[in-house]
N, C-alpha and C. Protein backbone atom coordinates (compact mmCIF):
# COMPACT_ATOMS: atom_id res chain seq x y z
N MET A 1 44.70 42.07 -1.97
CA MET A 1 43.96 43.16 -1.38
C MET A 1 43.29 43.95 -2.50
N ARG A 2 41.99 44.28 -2.29
CA ARG A 2 41.25 45.03 -3.30
C ARG A 2 41.47 46.52 -3.13
N ALA A 3 41.47 47.19 -4.21
CA ALA A 3 41.56 48.65 -4.16
C ALA A 3 40.18 49.23 -3.99
N SER A 4 40.04 50.25 -3.20
CA SER A 4 38.76 50.92 -2.97
C SER A 4 38.37 51.71 -4.20
N THR A 5 37.10 51.60 -4.61
CA THR A 5 36.65 52.36 -5.78
C THR A 5 36.22 53.75 -5.39
N GLY A 6 35.94 53.98 -4.11
CA GLY A 6 35.58 55.31 -3.64
C GLY A 6 34.15 55.71 -3.93
N THR A 7 33.28 54.79 -4.35
CA THR A 7 31.89 55.14 -4.61
C THR A 7 31.02 54.70 -3.46
N THR A 8 29.93 55.40 -3.25
CA THR A 8 28.99 55.04 -2.19
C THR A 8 27.74 54.40 -2.77
N VAL A 9 27.70 54.22 -4.07
CA VAL A 9 26.55 53.61 -4.74
C VAL A 9 26.65 52.10 -4.57
N PRO A 10 25.56 51.44 -4.06
CA PRO A 10 25.61 49.98 -3.92
C PRO A 10 25.67 49.32 -5.29
N ALA A 11 26.17 48.10 -5.31
CA ALA A 11 26.26 47.33 -6.55
C ALA A 11 24.87 47.03 -7.08
N ALA A 12 24.75 46.98 -8.38
CA ALA A 12 23.47 46.66 -9.00
C ALA A 12 23.07 45.23 -8.62
N GLU A 13 21.79 45.06 -8.34
CA GLU A 13 21.31 43.73 -7.96
C GLU A 13 20.97 42.94 -9.21
N GLY A 14 21.51 41.77 -9.28
CA GLY A 14 21.22 40.87 -10.39
C GLY A 14 20.23 39.82 -9.96
N ARG A 15 20.01 38.84 -10.81
CA ARG A 15 19.10 37.75 -10.48
C ARG A 15 19.68 36.85 -9.41
N GLY A 16 20.96 36.79 -9.30
CA GLY A 16 21.55 35.90 -8.33
C GLY A 16 21.36 34.46 -8.74
N LEU A 17 21.19 33.58 -7.77
CA LEU A 17 21.07 32.16 -8.05
C LEU A 17 19.64 31.68 -8.18
N GLN A 18 18.68 32.50 -7.79
CA GLN A 18 17.28 32.08 -7.83
C GLN A 18 16.63 32.52 -9.14
N SER A 19 15.75 31.70 -9.64
CA SER A 19 15.03 32.04 -10.86
C SER A 19 13.98 33.11 -10.55
N PRO A 20 13.48 33.82 -11.54
CA PRO A 20 12.47 34.84 -11.30
C PRO A 20 11.17 34.28 -10.71
N ALA A 21 10.87 33.03 -10.97
CA ALA A 21 9.64 32.42 -10.48
C ALA A 21 9.85 31.69 -9.16
N TYR A 22 10.94 31.95 -8.48
CA TYR A 22 11.23 31.25 -7.22
C TYR A 22 10.10 31.49 -6.22
N GLY A 23 9.61 30.42 -5.61
CA GLY A 23 8.56 30.52 -4.61
C GLY A 23 7.15 30.45 -5.18
N THR A 24 7.01 30.45 -6.49
CA THR A 24 5.70 30.36 -7.14
C THR A 24 5.48 28.92 -7.55
N PRO A 25 4.40 28.29 -7.07
CA PRO A 25 4.16 26.88 -7.45
C PRO A 25 3.81 26.76 -8.92
N SER A 26 4.25 25.69 -9.53
CA SER A 26 3.96 25.45 -10.95
C SER A 26 2.52 24.95 -11.10
N PRO A 27 1.94 25.13 -12.27
CA PRO A 27 0.59 24.62 -12.51
C PRO A 27 0.49 23.11 -12.30
N ASP A 28 1.55 22.37 -12.64
CA ASP A 28 1.54 20.92 -12.42
C ASP A 28 1.48 20.59 -10.94
N LEU A 29 2.22 21.32 -10.13
CA LEU A 29 2.20 21.09 -8.69
C LEU A 29 0.84 21.40 -8.10
N LEU A 30 0.21 22.48 -8.54
CA LEU A 30 -1.13 22.83 -8.04
C LEU A 30 -2.15 21.76 -8.43
N ALA A 31 -2.07 21.26 -9.66
CA ALA A 31 -3.01 20.22 -10.10
C ALA A 31 -2.81 18.95 -9.27
N ARG A 32 -1.58 18.59 -9.01
CA ARG A 32 -1.30 17.39 -8.20
C ARG A 32 -1.83 17.56 -6.78
N ALA A 33 -1.68 18.75 -6.22
CA ALA A 33 -2.19 19.01 -4.87
C ALA A 33 -3.72 18.94 -4.84
N ASP A 34 -4.36 19.47 -5.88
CA ASP A 34 -5.83 19.40 -5.96
C ASP A 34 -6.31 17.96 -6.00
N ARG A 35 -5.63 17.14 -6.81
CA ARG A 35 -6.03 15.72 -6.88
C ARG A 35 -5.84 15.03 -5.54
N GLY A 36 -4.75 15.31 -4.86
CA GLY A 36 -4.50 14.70 -3.56
C GLY A 36 -5.54 15.11 -2.53
N LEU A 37 -5.90 16.40 -2.53
CA LEU A 37 -6.92 16.87 -1.59
C LEU A 37 -8.27 16.23 -1.88
N ALA A 38 -8.61 16.10 -3.15
CA ALA A 38 -9.88 15.46 -3.51
C ALA A 38 -9.90 14.00 -3.05
N ARG A 39 -8.79 13.29 -3.23
CA ARG A 39 -8.72 11.89 -2.75
C ARG A 39 -8.86 11.84 -1.24
N PHE A 40 -8.19 12.73 -0.54
CA PHE A 40 -8.27 12.75 0.92
C PHE A 40 -9.70 13.01 1.39
N LEU A 41 -10.34 14.02 0.81
CA LEU A 41 -11.70 14.36 1.23
C LEU A 41 -12.67 13.23 0.91
N ALA A 42 -12.50 12.57 -0.23
CA ALA A 42 -13.39 11.46 -0.58
C ALA A 42 -13.23 10.32 0.41
N ARG A 43 -12.03 10.00 0.77
CA ARG A 43 -11.77 8.92 1.72
C ARG A 43 -12.32 9.29 3.10
N HIS A 44 -12.12 10.54 3.50
CA HIS A 44 -12.56 10.99 4.82
C HIS A 44 -14.08 10.93 4.92
N THR A 45 -14.80 11.38 3.91
CA THR A 45 -16.26 11.36 3.97
C THR A 45 -16.79 9.93 3.91
N GLU A 46 -16.12 9.04 3.17
CA GLU A 46 -16.55 7.64 3.13
C GLU A 46 -16.37 6.98 4.50
N ASP A 47 -15.26 7.30 5.18
CA ASP A 47 -15.02 6.76 6.52
C ASP A 47 -16.07 7.25 7.50
N GLN A 48 -16.42 8.50 7.42
CA GLN A 48 -17.42 9.07 8.32
C GLN A 48 -18.79 8.42 8.08
N ALA A 49 -19.15 8.23 6.82
CA ALA A 49 -20.44 7.61 6.50
C ALA A 49 -20.46 6.16 6.98
N GLY A 50 -19.37 5.45 6.86
CA GLY A 50 -19.29 4.07 7.32
C GLY A 50 -19.44 3.96 8.82
N ARG A 51 -18.87 4.88 9.55
CA ARG A 51 -18.99 4.86 11.01
C ARG A 51 -20.42 5.12 11.45
N ARG A 52 -21.07 6.10 10.82
CA ARG A 52 -22.46 6.41 11.19
C ARG A 52 -23.36 5.21 10.93
N HIS A 53 -23.15 4.55 9.79
CA HIS A 53 -23.97 3.41 9.42
C HIS A 53 -23.73 2.25 10.40
N ALA A 54 -22.49 2.02 10.77
CA ALA A 54 -22.14 0.90 11.65
C ALA A 54 -22.70 1.11 13.07
N GLU A 55 -22.78 2.36 13.49
CA GLU A 55 -23.29 2.64 14.85
C GLU A 55 -24.81 2.76 14.87
N GLY A 56 -25.42 2.82 13.71
CA GLY A 56 -26.87 2.87 13.65
C GLY A 56 -27.45 4.24 13.93
N GLY A 57 -26.66 5.28 13.83
CA GLY A 57 -27.17 6.63 14.07
C GLY A 57 -26.45 7.65 13.25
N GLU A 58 -26.96 8.86 13.30
CA GLU A 58 -26.34 9.94 12.56
C GLU A 58 -25.21 10.59 13.32
N ASP A 59 -25.25 10.63 14.63
CA ASP A 59 -24.24 11.33 15.42
C ASP A 59 -23.23 10.32 15.93
N SER A 60 -22.00 10.40 15.39
CA SER A 60 -20.97 9.47 15.82
C SER A 60 -20.01 10.09 16.83
N GLN A 61 -20.32 11.28 17.34
CA GLN A 61 -19.43 11.99 18.25
C GLN A 61 -19.84 11.86 19.71
N ARG A 62 -20.62 10.86 20.08
CA ARG A 62 -21.07 10.72 21.48
C ARG A 62 -19.99 10.25 22.39
């Protein structure tokens, strides 16, 4: 059983288990995400251009 200290002041907050940069993406992660997005957009625009060409028109949403 713990003895009561009789103070009403809360305990000082420490860092705990999380690092100070918790929740902040690293520069490496951001660069990797940028490359992935660029690949996705390049593939998506190539697919769209191929569909328009194959259908013989500019509007492929008919």
